[in-house]
Amino acid sequence: MSRRHPRHAAPREHKGLARPVAGAGAALRHGAQRSAGAVGGRLRWIALAVVVVLGAFGAYGAYLYLSTENAVQGGGPGIKTVNPEKEGAPSITLVVGSDSREGLTEQEKAELGAADEDQFGAVTGDRADTLILAHVDPNTDQVTMVQFPRDLYVPIDGGGKDRINAALLKGHTALVETVEDLTGLEINHYAQVNIAGFKDVVDAIGGIDLCLTEPVPFDEATGIVVGPEELPLVHFDGARAISYVRSRKNFATGDLERIQNQQKLLAAALDKVTSPSILLNPFRLRSIAAATKRNVQLDASTSLNTLRNLGNQLRNFDPASYEAYTAPHKGLPELGEAQVIQPDVRAMKVMFDAIGNNQSPADADGVPSIDPASIEVAIYTAGAGLGVADVAAGELQAATTVGDSTVSIAETDDRPKHAAGNTVVRYRADTKEMAELVAAALPGAELRETAVNPAHDVVVVLGPGPLETRRIIQTRPIPIPDPDEQPDACRR
């Protein structure tokens, strides 16, 4: 019997909460893909203020180095002296954006959506609002960055499990060691910018113009709203910029879509901070230096010169030498009343083992870098019995699930219209990579190019024996919109 299956709907909305619960990637490697924002081909990945500061070091060099070194190095008590960097060897920097309320006025807290209380009570201490691991190979100038969703639910240094952002509540050393334990990598440098710094640095460069193609709905937690009359080129001062990147409860995918918002804003920020209007403006230069002194903390072994070198690499972006990932996860399950993201431990091991071996995680997974949800699959049997194809469809979808994405089942058919034999994955010439992804989940299946119904991308013909599946591990690219599909104001 033949059964047609509707395409999957968009991921369901999750109404999560932002506080920690006690005790929860994709490569940008293709030069042909370009950013849709104001900076054209520049890569969009890391949190706003941190990268603006690093880009400023790359642009302004000695002035910022000499004027801010003593003010930020050492970072006060509690920052671990991280593992020494070996000369000529790759190094890893942990870059942290903290949501500390310290130093904010009541008005600034309101503007930033950073109230002292929420539905759980008082909000105290520092949490890692943005957390990025940056791996740099000085011999090839290859940069690999992994951003961790702050709701990732992981073992915390000192015992217990919590959101990864809560590790900072136990101190900088606890956060470093939590990340080291999670990734199996040694951290060589630590840099932290607090929430006030996000606002100060954006204001220091005179705000940011960001190209948006859709309005941003009102978020009562942060106050951010962008109406259709403001599109496509929208101006963000410091308060509005940080509200934009912090907003997540009005988005269906919560913290994950928030990461993409940070990436978009970064693109415009890097463009502005390295523009002649800033480079040749002593007033702006002094303002950036002042913001850095107030809001940046480094471990004792990390100098501003180290960050300046990283800033130079960011500023001189070459798509061929950059990879950016989100830490692998299993989507957005619920834990009690609070939203958390469960890590994909197997996929994390593949990713971080590759980074530790100075290799590309995208090449280490053995699976084509395409979205499983973009693949329509038909499943046929050789007459093994009613319902067999439907069962196989469920097993295949489970095995090809990456985050919230999995293959789409277009049709199942149990009628014996195909010859019995080994399981075969059929494909057209233009769907070979799709078939390779499906076959990766079906050990022993034969790949065969053949005539396939144009309505389907891949056809799986089941053999007579039990179906064996194996869950794929994939680090797939973050989609970047084609600039040609954007309004004219978005193009350079």
Protein backbone atom coordinates (compact mmCIF):
# COMPACT_ATOMS: atom_id res chain seq x y z
CA MET A 1 0.00 0.00 0.00
CA SER A 2 1.34 3.40 -0.95
CA ARG A 3 1.18 6.26 1.53
CA ARG A 4 2.19 9.84 0.83
CA HIS A 5 3.58 11.85 3.73
CA PRO A 6 3.25 15.61 4.13
CA ARG A 7 6.40 17.71 4.40
CA HIS A 8 7.48 18.46 7.95
CA ALA A 9 6.30 21.66 9.53
CA ALA A 10 8.71 24.21 10.96
CA PRO A 11 10.21 23.36 14.38
CA ARG A 12 7.72 23.86 17.18
CA GLU A 13 7.96 26.90 19.42
CA HIS A 14 9.54 26.44 22.83
CA LYS A 15 8.59 28.74 25.66
CA GLY A 16 11.76 28.46 27.72
CA LEU A 17 13.04 30.54 30.62
CA ALA A 18 16.37 32.28 30.86
CA ARG A 19 17.54 31.33 34.34
CA PRO A 20 19.84 28.37 35.02
CA VAL A 21 18.32 25.19 36.42
CA ALA A 22 20.15 23.51 39.23
CA GLY A 23 22.08 20.50 38.85
CA ALA A 24 21.85 21.32 29.30
CA GLY A 25 27.56 23.45 14.12
CA ALA A 26 28.04 24.38 11.33
CA ALA A 27 30.97 25.35 9.19
CA LEU A 28 31.22 28.55 7.21
CA ARG A 29 33.81 27.41 4.74
CA HIS A 30 32.53 28.34 1.33
CA GLY A 31 33.92 31.41 -0.33
CA ALA A 32 31.07 31.38 -2.83
CA GLN A 33 28.57 31.99 -0.04
CA ARG A 34 28.51 35.60 1.09
CA SER A 35 26.95 37.47 3.98
CA ALA A 36 23.68 39.22 3.30
CA GLY A 37 24.45 42.04 5.71
CA ALA A 38 26.24 45.32 5.20
CA VAL A 39 29.70 43.76 5.10
CA GLY A 40 29.17 41.55 2.08
CA GLY A 41 31.59 38.62 2.29
CA ARG A 42 32.80 39.11 5.87
CA LEU A 43 32.05 36.24 8.17
CA ARG A 44 29.34 36.63 10.81
CA TRP A 45 29.79 34.56 13.92
CA ILE A 46 30.93 35.92 17.24
CA ALA A 47 29.26 38.12 19.83
CA LEU A 48 29.07 41.83 19.14
CA ALA A 49 31.25 43.72 21.59
CA VAL A 50 33.99 41.12 21.92
CA VAL A 51 34.72 41.08 18.22
CA VAL A 52 34.39 44.82 17.83
CA VAL A 53 37.06 45.16 20.51
CA LEU A 54 39.29 42.57 18.83
CA GLY A 55 38.76 44.22 15.47
CA ALA A 56 39.70 47.53 17.03
CA PHE A 57 42.97 46.04 18.29
CA GLY A 58 43.71 44.87 14.78
CA ALA A 59 42.90 48.27 13.34
CA TYR A 60 44.46 50.59 15.90
CA GLY A 61 47.38 48.48 17.08
CA ALA A 62 49.88 50.16 19.33
CA TYR A 63 47.65 52.97 20.60
CA LEU A 64 45.13 50.65 22.20
CA TYR A 65 47.82 48.20 23.23
CA LEU A 66 49.82 50.75 25.18
CA SER A 67 46.85 52.67 26.59
CA THR A 68 44.87 49.69 27.91
CA GLU A 69 47.32 46.87 28.66
CA ASN A 70 47.71 47.44 32.38
CA ALA A 71 44.03 48.21 32.88
CA VAL A 72 42.69 44.89 31.60
CA GLN A 73 45.43 42.28 31.97
CA GLY A 74 45.04 39.94 34.92
CA GLY A 75 41.32 40.59 35.18
CA GLY A 76 41.19 40.70 38.95
CA PRO A 77 41.12 37.73 41.32
CA GLY A 78 39.78 34.36 40.25
CA ILE A 79 40.99 34.09 36.64
CA LYS A 80 43.00 30.93 36.20
CA THR A 81 46.44 31.18 34.64
CA VAL A 82 45.57 29.08 31.64
CA ASN A 83 47.78 26.56 29.85
CA PRO A 84 50.87 28.21 28.34
CA GLU A 85 50.85 28.59 24.58
CA LYS A 86 53.62 26.71 22.78
CA GLU A 87 55.56 28.79 20.30
CA GLY A 88 54.49 28.10 16.73
CA ALA A 89 51.70 25.73 17.84
CA PRO A 90 47.95 26.35 17.49
CA SER A 91 46.36 28.17 20.40
CA ILE A 92 42.85 28.30 21.84
CA THR A 93 41.22 31.42 23.27
CA LEU A 94 38.03 31.29 25.34
CA VAL A 95 36.07 34.47 24.57
CA VAL A 96 33.29 35.28 27.03
CA GLY A 97 30.52 37.85 26.99
CA SER A 98 29.27 38.17 30.59
CA ASP A 99 25.75 39.25 31.58
CA SER A 100 26.96 40.88 34.81
CA ARG A 101 24.77 43.80 35.97
CA GLU A 102 27.71 45.36 37.81
CA GLY A 103 28.29 48.99 36.87
CA LEU A 104 24.91 49.44 35.15
CA THR A 105 22.53 52.21 36.17
CA GLU A 106 18.86 51.38 36.67
CA GLN A 107 18.08 53.07 33.35
CA GLU A 108 20.77 51.04 31.56
CA LYS A 109 19.43 47.83 33.07
CA ALA A 110 16.00 48.67 31.75
CA GLU A 111 17.36 49.57 28.30
CA LEU A 112 19.31 46.32 28.07
CA GLY A 113 16.57 44.04 29.38
CA ALA A 114 18.88 43.21 32.29
CA ALA A 115 16.62 43.58 35.29
CA ASP A 116 17.83 42.55 38.74
CA GLU A 117 14.89 40.18 39.15
CA ASP A 118 12.88 37.77 37.03
CA GLN A 119 10.17 35.21 37.78
CA PHE A 120 12.69 33.15 39.77
CA GLY A 121 13.79 36.04 42.01
CA ALA A 122 17.04 38.01 42.18
CA VAL A 123 19.53 37.80 39.31
CA THR A 124 23.03 37.97 40.79
CA GLY A 125 26.60 37.23 39.74
CA ASP A 126 28.12 36.71 36.29
CA ARG A 127 26.89 34.28 33.66
CA ALA A 128 28.44 33.59 30.28
CA ASP A 129 25.87 35.26 28.03
CA THR A 130 28.07 34.48 25.03
CA LEU A 131 30.75 31.79 24.98
CA ILE A 132 33.12 31.14 22.07
CA LEU A 133 36.13 28.87 21.68
CA ALA A 134 38.57 30.23 19.07
CA HIS A 135 41.28 27.93 17.68
CA VAL A 136 44.04 29.64 15.69
CA ASP A 137 46.83 27.97 13.74
CA PRO A 138 49.64 30.53 13.31
CA ASN A 139 51.28 28.49 10.56
CA THR A 140 48.29 28.53 8.21
CA ASP A 141 46.25 31.44 9.68
CA GLN A 142 43.34 29.00 9.88
CA VAL A 143 40.73 30.10 12.44
CA THR A 144 38.08 27.74 13.81
CA MET A 145 35.43 29.08 16.17
CA VAL A 146 32.76 27.24 18.13
CA GLN A 147 29.95 29.12 19.85
CA PHE A 148 28.17 27.37 22.73
CA PRO A 149 24.46 28.02 23.27
CA ARG A 150 24.21 29.38 26.79
CA ASP A 151 21.40 26.89 27.56
CA LEU A 152 23.64 23.90 26.80
CA TYR A 153 23.13 21.52 29.74
CA VAL A 154 26.49 20.08 30.76
CA PRO A 155 28.52 18.85 33.77
CA ILE A 156 29.87 21.88 35.64
CA ASP A 157 33.31 21.96 37.21
CA GLY A 158 32.96 21.23 40.91
CA GLY A 159 30.03 18.82 40.51
CA GLY A 160 26.49 18.68 39.21
CA LYS A 161 24.97 19.70 35.88
CA ASP A 162 23.64 23.06 34.79
CA ARG A 163 23.46 25.39 31.85
CA ILE A 164 26.97 26.11 30.63
CA ASN A 165 26.52 29.84 31.21
CA ALA A 166 26.06 29.20 34.95
CA ALA A 167 29.64 27.90 35.29
CA LEU A 168 30.84 31.51 35.50
CA LEU A 169 28.90 31.87 38.76
CA LYS A 170 31.59 29.63 40.29
CA GLY A 171 34.38 31.80 38.91
CA HIS A 172 36.46 32.18 35.78
CA THR A 173 38.53 29.10 36.54
CA ALA A 174 35.38 26.97 36.87
CA LEU A 175 34.19 28.16 33.45
CA VAL A 176 37.56 27.43 31.83
CA GLU A 177 37.72 23.96 33.35
CA THR A 178 34.08 23.24 32.43
CA VAL A 179 34.87 23.99 28.79
CA GLU A 180 38.11 21.99 28.93
CA ASP A 181 36.30 18.98 30.42
CA LEU A 182 33.53 19.24 27.83
CA THR A 183 35.81 19.58 24.81
CA GLY A 184 38.96 17.72 25.86
CA LEU A 185 40.97 20.77 24.72
CA GLU A 186 43.36 22.99 26.68
CA ILE A 187 42.52 26.70 26.86
CA ASN A 188 45.54 28.98 26.30
CA HIS A 189 43.91 32.43 26.60
CA TYR A 190 40.86 33.95 28.30
CA ALA A 191 39.12 37.22 27.39
CA GLN A 192 35.88 38.51 28.93
CA VAL A 193 33.69 41.51 28.10
CA ASN A 194 30.73 42.35 30.33
CA ILE A 195 27.25 43.44 29.30
CA ALA A 196 28.01 47.12 29.87
CA GLY A 197 30.91 46.77 27.45
CA PHE A 198 28.57 45.63 24.71
CA LYS A 199 26.73 48.92 24.93
CA ASP A 200 29.81 51.10 25.47
CA VAL A 201 31.74 49.74 22.49
CA VAL A 202 28.83 50.11 20.06
CA ASP A 203 28.22 53.67 21.27
CA ALA A 204 31.96 54.38 20.99
CA ILE A 205 31.85 53.72 17.24
CA GLY A 206 28.68 55.78 16.77
CA GLY A 207 26.25 52.89 16.48
CA ILE A 208 25.72 50.31 13.74
CA ASP A 209 23.61 50.20 10.60
CA LEU A 210 22.24 46.69 10.11
CA CYS A 211 20.40 45.43 7.05
CA LEU A 212 17.23 43.53 7.98
CA THR A 213 14.69 42.08 5.59
CA GLU A 214 11.93 41.39 8.12
CA PRO A 215 10.51 43.31 11.11
CA VAL A 216 11.54 42.21 14.61
CA PRO A 217 8.50 41.58 16.82
CA PHE A 218 8.28 43.29 20.19
CA ASP A 219 10.03 41.42 22.98
CA GLU A 220 8.77 42.49 26.38
CA ALA A 221 11.89 41.12 28.10
CA THR A 222 14.32 43.42 26.23
CA GLY A 223 12.02 46.03 24.68
CA ILE A 224 13.41 45.46 21.19
CA VAL A 225 11.11 46.07 18.25
CA VAL A 226 11.83 46.94 14.62
CA GLY A 227 8.83 48.05 12.59
CA PRO A 228 8.42 47.57 8.84
CA GLU A 229 8.81 51.30 8.26
CA GLU A 230 12.46 51.08 9.43
CA LEU A 231 13.50 48.41 6.93
CA PRO A 232 15.81 47.55 5.33
CA LEU A 233 18.67 49.60 6.84
CA VAL A 234 18.15 49.92 10.59
CA HIS A 235 20.31 51.98 12.97
CA PHE A 236 21.28 50.47 16.33
CA ASP A 237 22.84 52.42 19.17
CA GLY A 238 24.47 50.49 22.00
CA ALA A 239 21.33 49.86 24.05
CA ARG A 240 19.27 48.79 21.06
CA ALA A 241 22.05 46.60 19.68
CA ILE A 242 22.44 44.59 22.87
CA SER A 243 18.67 44.27 23.25
CA TYR A 244 18.58 42.84 19.74
CA VAL A 245 21.24 40.19 20.35
CA ARG A 246 19.83 39.29 23.77
CA SER A 247 16.26 38.89 22.55
CA ARG A 248 15.23 35.28 22.05
CA LYS A 249 11.85 34.53 23.62
CA ASN A 250 10.00 35.96 20.62
CA PHE A 251 11.80 33.54 18.27
CA ALA A 252 10.66 29.97 17.70
CA THR A 253 14.14 28.52 18.11
CA GLY A 254 15.11 30.66 21.11
CA ASP A 255 18.83 30.69 21.89
CA LEU A 256 19.80 29.24 18.51
CA GLU A 257 18.17 32.04 16.53
CA ARG A 258 19.70 34.49 18.98
CA ILE A 259 23.15 33.24 17.94
CA GLN A 260 22.29 34.03 14.33
CA ASN A 261 21.21 37.54 15.36
CA GLN A 262 24.60 38.07 17.00
CA GLN A 263 26.29 36.96 13.80
CA LYS A 264 24.32 39.45 11.71
CA LEU A 265 25.10 42.33 14.04
CA LEU A 266 28.77 41.40 14.15
CA ALA A 267 29.06 41.77 10.40
CA ALA A 268 27.89 45.38 10.52
CA ALA A 269 29.99 46.07 13.63
CA LEU A 270 33.22 44.85 12.05
CA ASP A 271 32.51 46.89 8.95
CA LYS A 272 32.04 50.01 11.07
CA VAL A 273 34.97 49.56 13.44
CA THR A 274 37.43 49.16 10.57
CA SER A 275 35.98 51.92 8.40
CA PRO A 276 37.89 55.18 7.66
CA SER A 277 35.29 57.12 9.65
CA ILE A 278 36.58 55.35 12.78
CA LEU A 279 40.21 54.77 11.84
CA LEU A 280 40.79 58.49 11.21
CA ASN A 281 38.76 59.78 14.14
CA PRO A 282 40.84 60.36 17.33
CA PHE A 283 37.69 60.96 19.39
CA ARG A 284 36.24 57.55 18.44
CA LEU A 285 39.62 55.95 19.07
CA ARG A 286 39.79 57.34 22.61
CA SER A 287 36.20 56.25 23.25
CA ILE A 288 36.98 52.66 22.23
CA ALA A 289 40.06 52.63 24.47
CA ALA A 290 37.96 53.89 27.40
CA ALA A 291 35.30 51.24 26.81
CA THR A 292 37.99 48.56 26.72
CA LYS A 293 39.51 49.66 30.02
CA ARG A 294 36.13 49.56 31.75
CA ASN A 295 34.83 46.28 30.44
CA VAL A 296 37.54 43.81 29.33
CA GLN A 297 39.22 41.21 31.55
CA LEU A 298 42.11 38.95 30.53
CA ASP A 299 43.96 36.18 32.26
CA ALA A 300 47.49 37.02 33.36
CA SER A 301 49.14 35.21 30.43
CA THR A 302 47.01 36.86 27.73
CA SER A 303 48.19 40.23 26.48
CA LEU A 304 46.36 42.76 24.40
CA ASN A 305 48.94 42.01 21.73
CA THR A 306 47.57 38.44 21.60
CA LEU A 307 44.08 39.81 21.07
CA ARG A 308 45.35 42.36 18.58
CA ASN A 309 46.79 39.52 16.48
CA LEU A 310 43.44 37.73 16.58
CA GLY A 311 41.74 41.00 15.72
CA ASN A 312 43.96 41.37 12.67
CA GLN A 313 42.88 37.94 11.49
CA LEU A 314 39.23 38.83 12.00
CA ARG A 315 39.63 42.16 10.24
CA ASN A 316 41.44 40.65 7.26
CA PHE A 317 38.80 37.98 6.79
CA ASP A 318 39.41 35.37 4.09
CA PRO A 319 36.56 32.83 3.80
CA ALA A 320 39.00 30.10 2.79
CA SER A 321 40.74 30.24 6.18
CA TYR A 322 37.75 30.39 8.53
CA GLU A 323 35.33 27.87 9.98
CA ALA A 324 32.55 28.68 12.42
CA TYR A 325 30.40 26.18 14.28
CA THR A 326 27.69 25.95 16.87
CA ALA A 327 28.43 23.27 19.47
CA PRO A 328 26.53 20.08 18.48
CA HIS A 329 23.27 19.60 20.35
CA LYS A 330 20.04 17.57 20.30
CA GLY A 331 17.58 20.39 19.85
CA LEU A 332 15.40 21.99 22.48
CA PRO A 333 13.86 19.50 24.93
CA GLU A 334 12.32 20.77 28.14
CA LEU A 335 13.72 20.22 31.64
CA GLY A 336 11.14 21.08 34.28
CA GLU A 337 9.89 24.61 33.56
CA ALA A 338 13.13 25.84 32.03
CA GLN A 339 14.41 25.43 28.49
CA VAL A 340 17.73 23.66 28.10
CA ILE A 341 19.69 22.24 25.17
CA GLN A 342 21.10 18.76 25.50
CA PRO A 343 24.61 18.32 24.03
CA ASP A 344 25.21 15.76 21.31
CA VAL A 345 28.12 14.03 22.99
CA ARG A 346 29.11 11.83 20.02
CA ALA A 347 29.11 14.75 17.60
CA MET A 348 31.03 16.91 20.08
CA LYS A 349 33.75 14.30 20.31
CA VAL A 350 34.13 14.27 16.51
CA MET A 351 34.23 18.07 16.38
CA PHE A 352 36.66 18.70 19.20
CA ASP A 353 38.91 15.73 18.40
CA ALA A 354 39.29 17.22 14.91
CA ILE A 355 40.07 20.67 16.32
CA GLY A 356 42.57 19.15 18.73
CA ASN A 357 44.26 17.43 15.79
CA ASN A 358 44.31 20.72 13.85
CA GLN A 359 41.81 19.36 11.32
CA SER A 360 38.49 20.56 9.96
CA PRO A 361 35.49 19.18 11.87
CA ALA A 362 33.45 19.49 8.67
CA ASP A 363 35.77 16.99 6.99
CA ALA A 364 35.90 14.67 10.00
CA ASP A 365 32.22 13.74 10.16
CA GLY A 366 32.19 11.77 6.89
CA VAL A 367 28.76 13.13 5.93
CA PRO A 368 27.94 15.70 3.22
CA SER A 369 27.31 19.17 4.63
CA ILE A 370 23.67 19.54 3.63
CA ASP A 371 20.55 19.97 5.73
CA PRO A 372 18.79 16.61 6.24
CA ALA A 373 15.43 18.42 6.16
CA SER A 374 16.09 19.40 2.54
CA ILE A 375 16.02 15.72 1.46
CA GLU A 376 12.76 14.05 0.36
CA VAL A 377 12.92 10.28 0.65
CA ALA A 378 10.59 7.57 -0.64
CA ILE A 379 10.82 4.12 0.99
CA TYR A 380 9.73 0.96 -0.80
CA THR A 381 9.88 -2.67 0.26
CA ALA A 382 10.10 -5.96 -1.61
CA GLY A 383 6.87 -7.25 -0.14
CA ALA A 384 8.08 -7.88 3.42
CA GLY A 385 4.67 -7.10 4.87
CA LEU A 386 2.34 -4.25 5.61
CA GLY A 387 3.75 -1.42 7.71
CA VAL A 388 7.39 -2.38 7.18
CA ALA A 389 8.11 0.76 5.12
CA ASP A 390 6.49 2.98 7.73
CA VAL A 391 8.60 1.45 10.50
CA ALA A 392 11.71 1.90 8.39
CA ALA A 393 10.75 5.53 7.77
CA GLY A 394 10.68 6.23 11.49
CA GLU A 395 14.02 4.51 12.01
CA LEU A 396 15.61 6.43 9.14
CA GLN A 397 14.36 9.75 10.46
CA ALA A 398 15.75 8.98 13.91
CA ALA A 399 19.11 8.05 12.40
CA THR A 400 19.32 11.22 10.28
CA THR A 401 18.28 13.66 12.99
CA VAL A 402 20.74 16.52 13.49
CA GLY A 403 19.51 19.05 16.04
CA ASP A 404 15.91 19.77 15.03
CA SER A 405 16.42 18.60 11.44
CA THR A 406 15.79 15.22 9.79
CA VAL A 407 14.97 13.84 6.35
CA SER A 408 11.45 14.28 5.00
CA ILE A 409 9.54 11.10 4.15
CA ALA A 410 7.57 11.75 0.96
CA GLU A 411 6.11 8.28 0.41
CA THR A 412 6.16 4.73 1.76
CA ASP A 413 5.01 1.68 -0.20
CA ASP A 414 4.88 -1.97 0.92
CA ARG A 415 3.77 -3.42 -2.41
CA PRO A 416 6.25 -5.91 -3.93
CA LYS A 417 7.01 -3.95 -7.08
CA HIS A 418 10.78 -4.07 -6.64
CA ALA A 419 13.08 -7.07 -6.74
CA ALA A 420 14.24 -8.43 -3.41
CA GLY A 421 17.90 -8.07 -2.48
CA ASN A 422 20.17 -5.88 -0.38
CA THR A 423 18.88 -2.47 0.66
CA VAL A 424 19.55 0.00 -2.15
CA VAL A 425 19.69 3.80 -1.99
CA ARG A 426 18.77 5.17 -5.41
CA TYR A 427 19.48 8.68 -6.60
CA ARG A 428 19.70 10.93 -9.61
CA ALA A 429 23.00 12.49 -10.68
CA ASP A 430 22.00 15.79 -9.07
CA THR A 431 21.05 14.21 -5.72
CA LYS A 432 24.16 12.10 -5.09
CA GLU A 433 25.20 13.97 -1.90
CA MET A 434 21.68 13.58 -0.54
CA ALA A 435 21.88 9.86 -1.16
CA GLU A 436 25.28 9.68 0.53
CA LEU A 437 23.82 11.28 3.65
CA VAL A 438 20.93 8.77 3.68
CA ALA A 439 23.26 5.84 3.04
CA ALA A 440 25.48 6.93 5.94
CA ALA A 441 22.53 6.09 8.20
CA LEU A 442 22.02 2.65 6.56
CA PRO A 443 25.17 0.51 7.02
CA GLY A 444 25.61 -1.97 4.19
CA ALA A 445 23.20 -0.23 1.84
CA GLU A 446 24.20 -0.04 -1.81
CA LEU A 447 24.33 3.36 -3.51
CA ARG A 448 23.02 3.24 -7.07
CA GLU A 449 22.51 6.03 -9.58
CA THR A 450 19.34 5.39 -11.54
CA ALA A 451 16.15 6.97 -12.79
CA VAL A 452 14.32 8.36 -9.75
CA ASN A 453 10.88 9.90 -9.66
CA PRO A 454 11.50 13.67 -9.91
CA ALA A 455 9.11 14.11 -7.00
CA HIS A 456 11.65 12.42 -4.72
CA ASP A 457 15.31 13.19 -4.10
CA VAL A 458 16.24 9.70 -2.90
CA VAL A 459 14.49 6.31 -3.02
CA VAL A 460 15.32 3.60 -0.49
CA VAL A 461 14.42 0.07 -1.54
CA LEU A 462 14.52 -2.19 1.51
CA GLY A 463 16.08 -5.63 1.39
CA PRO A 464 14.39 -8.70 2.91
CA GLY A 465 16.28 -8.74 6.22
CA PRO A 466 16.04 -6.48 9.29
CA LEU A 467 16.95 -2.87 8.61
CA GLU A 468 20.13 -1.71 10.34
CA THR A 469 20.48 2.01 11.02
CA ARG A 470 23.26 4.14 12.50
CA ARG A 471 22.77 7.72 13.64
CA ILE A 472 24.79 10.11 11.53
CA ILE A 473 27.13 12.73 12.96
CA GLN A 474 27.18 15.94 10.98
CA THR A 475 28.59 19.43 11.31
CA ARG A 476 26.79 21.21 8.49
CA PRO A 477 27.10 24.79 7.24
CA ILE A 478 25.08 27.63 8.67
CA PRO A 479 23.03 28.87 5.71
CA ILE A 480 24.05 32.33 4.53
CA PRO A 481 21.50 34.20 2.40
CA ASP A 482 22.54 35.12 -1.13
CA PRO A 483 23.10 38.90 -1.23
CA ASP A 484 21.37 39.00 -4.61
CA GLU A 485 18.15 38.06 -2.81
CA GLN A 486 18.38 41.05 -0.46
CA PRO A 487 17.04 44.57 -0.92
CA ASP A 488 19.35 46.98 -2.75
CA ALA A 489 20.17 48.77 0.53
CA CYS A 490 21.71 45.54 1.85
CA ARG A 491 24.27 45.24 -0.92
CA ARG A 492 27.70 46.78 -0.91
